[in-house]
Amino acid sequence: KNDTDEGRFIVNNGVKDVQKLGQLSSWKNKTKLDVWNKEGSCNDVRGTDSTLYPPYLDEDTSLNVFSTDIC
């Protein structure tokens, strides 16, 4: 990275639901992107930025990670 601003992220703080801790709500004021041609989950802003996760995860828990590098 060259310290470029990736835009504003809105991230859940887990106060109302600790299982949502670190989950992205939006990026650059969008909840959906227009990167991919088809509608579907590929354009969803979801998951974490890989720095913060909810507690009590185990090896069977699926994780979604959002990366601006592919957008």
PDB file of N, CA and C in Angstrom:
ATOM      1  N   LYS A   1       0.837  -1.185   0.000  1.00  0.00           N
ATOM      2  CA  LYS A   1       0.000   0.000   0.000  1.00  0.00           C
ATOM      3  C   LYS A   1       0.874   1.238   0.000  1.00  0.00           C
ATOM      4  N   ASN A   2       0.387   2.285  -0.598  1.00  0.00           N
ATOM      5  CA  ASN A   2       1.125   3.540  -0.619  1.00  0.00           C
ATOM      6  C   ASN A   2       0.442   4.610   0.232  1.00  0.00           C
ATOM      7  N   ASP A   3      -0.327   4.192   1.206  1.00  0.00           N
ATOM      8  CA  ASP A   3      -1.024   5.086   2.132  1.00  0.00           C
ATOM      9  C   ASP A   3      -2.118   5.890   1.442  1.00  0.00           C
ATOM     10  N   THR A   4      -2.672   5.360   0.355  1.00  0.00           N
ATOM     11  CA  THR A   4      -3.777   6.000  -0.338  1.00  0.00           C
ATOM     12  C   THR A   4      -5.047   5.846   0.479  1.00  0.00           C
ATOM     13  N   ASP A   5      -5.838   6.903   0.550  1.00  0.00           N
ATOM     14  CA  ASP A   5      -7.118   6.861   1.258  1.00  0.00           C
ATOM     15  C   ASP A   5      -8.064   5.931   0.509  1.00  0.00           C
ATOM     16  N   GLU A   6      -8.556   4.903   1.174  1.00  0.00           N
ATOM     17  CA  GLU A   6      -9.447   3.925   0.550  1.00  0.00           C
ATOM     18  C   GLU A   6     -10.907   4.334   0.631  1.00  0.00           C
ATOM     19  N   GLY A   7     -11.202   5.442   1.242  1.00  0.00           N
ATOM     20  CA  GLY A   7     -12.579   5.883   1.390  1.00  0.00           C
ATOM     21  C   GLY A   7     -13.119   5.534   2.762  1.00  0.00           C
ATOM     22  N   ARG A   8     -14.286   6.063   3.050  1.00  0.00           N
ATOM     23  CA  ARG A   8     -14.892   5.900   4.371  1.00  0.00           C
ATOM     24  C   ARG A   8     -15.610   4.560   4.500  1.00  0.00           C
ATOM     25  N   PHE A   9     -15.291   3.864   5.576  1.00  0.00           N
ATOM     26  CA  PHE A   9     -15.971   2.624   5.939  1.00  0.00           C
ATOM     27  C   PHE A   9     -16.900   2.907   7.110  1.00  0.00           C
ATOM     28  N   ILE A  10     -18.072   2.305   7.116  1.00  0.00           N
ATOM     29  CA  ILE A  10     -18.939   2.301   8.294  1.00  0.00           C
ATOM     30  C   ILE A  10     -18.883   0.881   8.836  1.00  0.00           C
ATOM     31  N   VAL A  11     -18.452   0.749  10.095  1.00  0.00           N
ATOM     32  CA  VAL A  11     -18.212  -0.553  10.713  1.00  0.00           C
ATOM     33  C   VAL A  11     -19.051  -0.675  11.977  1.00  0.00           C
ATOM     34  N   ASN A  12     -19.699  -1.821  12.162  1.00  0.00           N
ATOM     35  CA  ASN A  12     -20.516  -2.062  13.345  1.00  0.00           C
ATOM     36  C   ASN A  12     -19.628  -2.170  14.574  1.00  0.00           C
ATOM     37  N   ASN A  13     -20.027  -1.509  15.658  1.00  0.00           N
ATOM     38  CA  ASN A  13     -19.226  -1.534  16.888  1.00  0.00           C
ATOM     39  C   ASN A  13     -19.631  -2.643  17.852  1.00  0.00           C
ATOM     40  N   GLY A  14     -20.676  -3.396  17.539  1.00  0.00           N
ATOM     41  CA  GLY A  14     -21.063  -4.531  18.357  1.00  0.00           C
ATOM     42  C   GLY A  14     -21.811  -4.200  19.631  1.00  0.00           C
ATOM     43  N   VAL A  15     -22.178  -2.938  19.854  1.00  0.00           N
ATOM     44  CA  VAL A  15     -22.859  -2.559  21.094  1.00  0.00           C
ATOM     45  C   VAL A  15     -24.228  -3.223  21.199  1.00  0.00           C
ATOM     46  N   LYS A  16     -25.015  -3.202  20.134  1.00  0.00           N
ATOM     47  CA  LYS A  16     -26.355  -3.808  20.171  1.00  0.00           C
ATOM     48  C   LYS A  16     -26.317  -5.310  19.942  1.00  0.00           C
ATOM     49  N   ASP A  17     -25.342  -5.782  19.184  1.00  0.00           N
ATOM     50  CA  ASP A  17     -25.199  -7.215  18.901  1.00  0.00           C
ATOM     51  C   ASP A  17     -23.716  -7.516  18.722  1.00  0.00           C
ATOM     52  N   VAL A  18     -23.118  -8.137  19.726  1.00  0.00           N
ATOM     53  CA  VAL A  18     -21.675  -8.384  19.708  1.00  0.00           C
ATOM     54  C   VAL A  18     -21.257  -9.264  18.528  1.00  0.00           C
ATOM     55  N   GLN A  19     -22.167 -10.059  17.985  1.00  0.00           N
ATOM     56  CA  GLN A  19     -21.833 -10.903  16.840  1.00  0.00           C
ATOM     57  C   GLN A  19     -21.668 -10.099  15.549  1.00  0.00           C
ATOM     58  N   LYS A  20     -22.069  -8.834  15.567  1.00  0.00           N
ATOM     59  CA  LYS A  20     -21.886  -7.962  14.398  1.00  0.00           C
ATOM     60  C   LYS A  20     -20.643  -7.083  14.519  1.00  0.00           C
ATOM     61  N   LEU A  21     -19.867  -7.283  15.564  1.00  0.00           N
ATOM     62  CA  LEU A  21     -18.653  -6.497  15.783  1.00  0.00           C
ATOM     63  C   LEU A  21     -17.716  -6.595  14.581  1.00  0.00           C
ATOM     64  N   GLY A  22     -17.332  -5.457  14.051  1.00  0.00           N
ATOM     65  CA  GLY A  22     -16.389  -5.418  12.939  1.00  0.00           C
ATOM     66  C   GLY A  22     -17.002  -5.607  11.564  1.00  0.00           C
ATOM     67  N   GLN A  23     -18.299  -5.862  11.485  1.00  0.00           N
ATOM     68  CA  GLN A  23     -18.943  -6.077  10.192  1.00  0.00           C
ATOM     69  C   GLN A  23     -19.149  -4.745   9.474  1.00  0.00           C
ATOM     70  N   LEU A  24     -18.790  -4.698   8.214  1.00  0.00           N
ATOM     71  CA  LEU A  24     -18.946  -3.484   7.418  1.00  0.00           C
ATOM     72  C   LEU A  24     -20.407  -3.259   7.076  1.00  0.00           C
ATOM     73  N   SER A  25     -20.843  -2.009   7.182  1.00  0.00           N
ATOM     74  CA  SER A  25     -22.190  -1.618   6.763  1.00  0.00           C
ATOM     75  C   SER A  25     -22.162  -0.947   5.398  1.00  0.00           C
ATOM     76  N   SER A  26     -21.104  -0.169   5.155  1.00  0.00           N
ATOM     77  CA  SER A  26     -20.984   0.496   3.858  1.00  0.00           C
ATOM     78  C   SER A  26     -19.542   0.925   3.614  1.00  0.00           C
ATOM     79  N   TRP A  27     -19.254   1.190   2.360  1.00  0.00           N
ATOM     80  CA  TRP A  27     -17.950   1.708   1.945  1.00  0.00           C
ATOM     81  C   TRP A  27     -18.215   2.810   0.926  1.00  0.00           C
ATOM     82  N   LYS A  28     -17.644   3.960   1.140  1.00  0.00           N
ATOM     83  CA  LYS A  28     -17.866   5.124   0.275  1.00  0.00           C
ATOM     84  C   LYS A  28     -19.354   5.417   0.127  1.00  0.00           C
ATOM     85  N   ASN A  29     -20.093   5.263   1.239  1.00  0.00           N
ATOM     86  CA  ASN A  29     -21.543   5.507   1.303  1.00  0.00           C
ATOM     87  C   ASN A  29     -22.353   4.552   0.431  1.00  0.00           C
ATOM     88  N   LYS A  30     -21.814   3.401   0.111  1.00  0.00           N
ATOM     89  CA  LYS A  30     -22.533   2.410  -0.694  1.00  0.00           C
ATOM     90  C   LYS A  30     -22.627   1.088   0.063  1.00  0.00           C
ATOM     91  N   THR A  31     -23.764   0.417  -0.059  1.00  0.00           N
ATOM     92  CA  THR A  31     -23.912  -0.930   0.482  1.00  0.00           C
ATOM     93  C   THR A  31     -23.777  -1.972  -0.621  1.00  0.00           C
ATOM     94  N   LYS A  32     -23.845  -1.517  -1.875  1.00  0.00           N
ATOM     95  CA  LYS A  32     -23.640  -2.379  -3.042  1.00  0.00           C
ATOM     96  C   LYS A  32     -22.693  -1.665  -4.002  1.00  0.00           C
ATOM     97  N   LEU A  33     -21.886  -2.445  -4.674  1.00  0.00           N
ATOM     98  CA  LEU A  33     -20.947  -1.908  -5.652  1.00  0.00           C
ATOM     99  C   LEU A  33     -21.454  -2.165  -7.064  1.00  0.00           C
ATOM    100  N   ASP A  34     -20.805  -1.587  -8.046  1.00  0.00           N
ATOM    101  CA  ASP A  34     -21.146  -1.844  -9.448  1.00  0.00           C
ATOM    102  C   ASP A  34     -19.927  -2.373 -10.206  1.00  0.00           C
ATOM    103  N   VAL A  35     -19.117  -3.150  -9.507  1.00  0.00           N
ATOM    104  CA  VAL A  35     -17.880  -3.691 -10.076  1.00  0.00           C
ATOM    105  C   VAL A  35     -18.170  -4.867 -10.999  1.00  0.00           C
ATOM    106  N   TRP A  36     -19.028  -5.757 -10.559  1.00  0.00           N
ATOM    107  CA  TRP A  36     -19.299  -6.985 -11.294  1.00  0.00           C
ATOM    108  C   TRP A  36     -20.533  -6.804 -12.166  1.00  0.00           C
ATOM    109  N   ASN A  37     -20.587  -7.489 -13.298  1.00  0.00           N
ATOM    110  CA  ASN A  37     -21.660  -7.315 -14.271  1.00  0.00           C
ATOM    111  C   ASN A  37     -23.022  -7.777 -13.787  1.00  0.00           C
ATOM    112  N   LYS A  38     -23.067  -8.850 -13.020  1.00  0.00           N
ATOM    113  CA  LYS A  38     -24.345  -9.431 -12.628  1.00  0.00           C
ATOM    114  C   LYS A  38     -24.740  -8.997 -11.225  1.00  0.00           C
ATOM    115  N   GLU A  39     -26.061  -8.973 -11.016  1.00  0.00           N
ATOM    116  CA  GLU A  39     -26.564  -8.749  -9.660  1.00  0.00           C
ATOM    117  C   GLU A  39     -26.225  -9.977  -8.830  1.00  0.00           C
ATOM    118  N   GLY A  40     -26.062  -9.784  -7.564  1.00  0.00           N
ATOM    119  CA  GLY A  40     -25.753 -10.910  -6.690  1.00  0.00           C
ATOM    120  C   GLY A  40     -24.849 -10.481  -5.562  1.00  0.00           C
ATOM    121  N   SER A  41     -24.409 -11.437  -4.810  1.00  0.00           N
ATOM    122  CA  SER A  41     -23.647 -11.139  -3.601  1.00  0.00           C
ATOM    123  C   SER A  41     -22.233 -10.629  -3.881  1.00  0.00           C
ATOM    124  N   CYS A  42     -21.728 -10.787  -5.088  1.00  0.00           N
ATOM    125  CA  CYS A  42     -20.373 -10.296  -5.390  1.00  0.00           C
ATOM    126  C   CYS A  42     -20.270  -8.785  -5.241  1.00  0.00           C
ATOM    127  N   ASN A  43     -21.340  -8.066  -5.454  1.00  0.00           N
ATOM    128  CA  ASN A  43     -21.341  -6.614  -5.336  1.00  0.00           C
ATOM    129  C   ASN A  43     -21.694  -6.118  -3.935  1.00  0.00           C
ATOM    130  N   ASP A  44     -21.973  -7.007  -3.010  1.00  0.00           N
ATOM    131  CA  ASP A  44     -22.343  -6.602  -1.653  1.00  0.00           C
ATOM    132  C   ASP A  44     -21.131  -6.130  -0.864  1.00  0.00           C
ATOM    133  N   VAL A  45     -21.320  -5.061  -0.109  1.00  0.00           N
ATOM    134  CA  VAL A  45     -20.320  -4.640   0.871  1.00  0.00           C
ATOM    135  C   VAL A  45     -20.665  -5.409   2.141  1.00  0.00           C
ATOM    136  N   ARG A  46     -19.865  -6.425   2.442  1.00  0.00           N
ATOM    137  CA  ARG A  46     -20.152  -7.260   3.616  1.00  0.00           C
ATOM    138  C   ARG A  46     -18.862  -7.871   4.128  1.00  0.00           C
ATOM    139  N   GLY A  47     -18.924  -8.347   5.332  1.00  0.00           N
ATOM    140  CA  GLY A  47     -17.751  -8.950   5.943  1.00  0.00           C
ATOM    141  C   GLY A  47     -16.997  -7.944   6.785  1.00  0.00           C
ATOM    142  N   THR A  48     -15.745  -8.241   7.056  1.00  0.00           N
ATOM    143  CA  THR A  48     -14.892  -7.349   7.837  1.00  0.00           C
ATOM    144  C   THR A  48     -13.752  -6.859   6.955  1.00  0.00           C
ATOM    145  N   ASP A  49     -12.970  -5.949   7.487  1.00  0.00           N
ATOM    146  CA  ASP A  49     -11.773  -5.518   6.758  1.00  0.00           C
ATOM    147  C   ASP A  49     -10.569  -6.356   7.178  1.00  0.00           C
ATOM    148  N   SER A  50     -10.800  -7.402   7.892  1.00  0.00           N
ATOM    149  CA  SER A  50      -9.827  -8.401   8.368  1.00  0.00           C
ATOM    150  C   SER A  50      -9.009  -7.939   9.568  1.00  0.00           C
ATOM    151  N   THR A  51      -9.390  -6.836  10.199  1.00  0.00           N
ATOM    152  CA  THR A  51      -8.669  -6.394  11.395  1.00  0.00           C
ATOM    153  C   THR A  51      -9.468  -6.600  12.672  1.00  0.00           C
ATOM    154  N   LEU A  52     -10.785  -6.802  12.570  1.00  0.00           N
ATOM    155  CA  LEU A  52     -11.648  -6.919  13.741  1.00  0.00           C
ATOM    156  C   LEU A  52     -12.723  -7.959  13.473  1.00  0.00           C
ATOM    157  N   TYR A  53     -12.886  -8.886  14.415  1.00  0.00           N
ATOM    158  CA  TYR A  53     -13.854  -9.970  14.271  1.00  0.00           C
ATOM    159  C   TYR A  53     -14.699 -10.085  15.531  1.00  0.00           C
ATOM    160  N   PRO A  54     -15.909 -10.645  15.407  1.00  0.00           N
ATOM    161  CA  PRO A  54     -16.705 -10.876  16.611  1.00  0.00           C
ATOM    162  C   PRO A  54     -16.065 -11.959  17.473  1.00  0.00           C
ATOM    163  N   PRO A  55     -16.389 -11.966  18.758  1.00  0.00           N
ATOM    164  CA  PRO A  55     -15.823 -12.980  19.650  1.00  0.00           C
ATOM    165  C   PRO A  55     -16.466 -14.350  19.432  1.00  0.00           C
ATOM    166  N   TYR A  56     -15.887 -15.336  20.049  1.00  0.00           N
ATOM    167  CA  TYR A  56     -16.434 -16.702  20.108  1.00  0.00           C
ATOM    168  C   TYR A  56     -16.467 -17.398  18.754  1.00  0.00           C
ATOM    169  N   LEU A  57     -15.535 -17.108  17.888  1.00  0.00           N
ATOM    170  CA  LEU A  57     -15.459 -17.817  16.616  1.00  0.00           C
ATOM    171  C   LEU A  57     -14.796 -19.165  16.835  1.00  0.00           C
ATOM    172  N   ASP A  58     -15.198 -20.137  16.043  1.00  0.00           N
ATOM    173  CA  ASP A  58     -14.524 -21.429  16.096  1.00  0.00           C
ATOM    174  C   ASP A  58     -14.119 -21.833  14.678  1.00  0.00           C
ATOM    175  N   GLU A  59     -13.498 -22.968  14.554  1.00  0.00           N
ATOM    176  CA  GLU A  59     -12.956 -23.377  13.247  1.00  0.00           C
ATOM    177  C   GLU A  59     -14.025 -23.652  12.198  1.00  0.00           C
ATOM    178  N   ASP A  60     -15.285 -23.806  12.603  1.00  0.00           N
ATOM    179  CA  ASP A  60     -16.363 -24.051  11.652  1.00  0.00           C
ATOM    180  C   ASP A  60     -17.061 -22.768  11.204  1.00  0.00           C
ATOM    181  N   THR A  61     -16.672 -21.639  11.750  1.00  0.00           N
ATOM    182  CA  THR A  61     -17.291 -20.364  11.412  1.00  0.00           C
ATOM    183  C   THR A  61     -16.771 -19.856  10.068  1.00  0.00           C
ATOM    184  N   SER A  62     -17.703 -19.528   9.171  1.00  0.00           N
ATOM    185  CA  SER A  62     -17.326 -18.934   7.883  1.00  0.00           C
ATOM    186  C   SER A  62     -17.147 -17.435   8.066  1.00  0.00           C
ATOM    187  N   LEU A  63     -16.123 -16.891   7.442  1.00  0.00           N
ATOM    188  CA  LEU A  63     -15.846 -15.462   7.532  1.00  0.00           C
ATOM    189  C   LEU A  63     -15.845 -14.842   6.144  1.00  0.00           C
ATOM    190  N   ASN A  64     -16.402 -13.654   6.047  1.00  0.00           N
ATOM    191  CA  ASN A  64     -16.328 -12.865   4.822  1.00  0.00           C
ATOM    192  C   ASN A  64     -15.397 -11.696   5.082  1.00  0.00           C
ATOM    193  N   VAL A  65     -14.485 -11.460   4.162  1.00  0.00           N
ATOM    194  CA  VAL A  65     -13.545 -10.354   4.279  1.00  0.00           C
ATOM    195  C   VAL A  65     -13.705  -9.472   3.047  1.00  0.00           C
ATOM    196  N   PHE A  66     -13.852  -8.179   3.272  1.00  0.00           N
ATOM    197  CA  PHE A  66     -14.001  -7.207   2.192  1.00  0.00           C
ATOM    198  C   PHE A  66     -12.644  -6.584   1.902  1.00  0.00           C
ATOM    199  N   SER A  67     -12.254  -6.586   0.645  1.00  0.00           N
ATOM    200  CA  SER A  67     -10.966  -6.012   0.255  1.00  0.00           C
ATOM    201  C   SER A  67     -11.179  -4.962  -0.831  1.00  0.00           C
ATOM    202  N   THR A  68     -10.738  -3.752  -0.576  1.00  0.00           N
ATOM    203  CA  THR A  68     -10.865  -2.697  -1.582  1.00  0.00           C
ATOM    204  C   THR A  68      -9.904  -2.905  -2.751  1.00  0.00           C
ATOM    205  N   ASP A  69      -8.924  -3.750  -2.583  1.00  0.00           N
ATOM    206  CA  ASP A  69      -7.936  -3.983  -3.639  1.00  0.00           C
ATOM    207  C   ASP A  69      -8.541  -4.582  -4.904  1.00  0.00           C
ATOM    208  N   ILE A  70      -9.673  -5.256  -4.791  1.00  0.00           N
ATOM    209  CA  ILE A  70     -10.278  -5.870  -5.972  1.00  0.00           C
ATOM    210  C   ILE A  70     -11.466  -5.077  -6.494  1.00  0.00           C
ATOM    211  N   CYS A  71     -11.708  -3.922  -5.917  1.00  0.00           N
ATOM    212  CA  CYS A  71     -12.867  -3.120  -6.333  1.00  0.00           C
ATOM    213  C   CYS A  71     -12.486  -2.084  -7.344  1.00  0.00           C
TER     214      CYS A  71
END
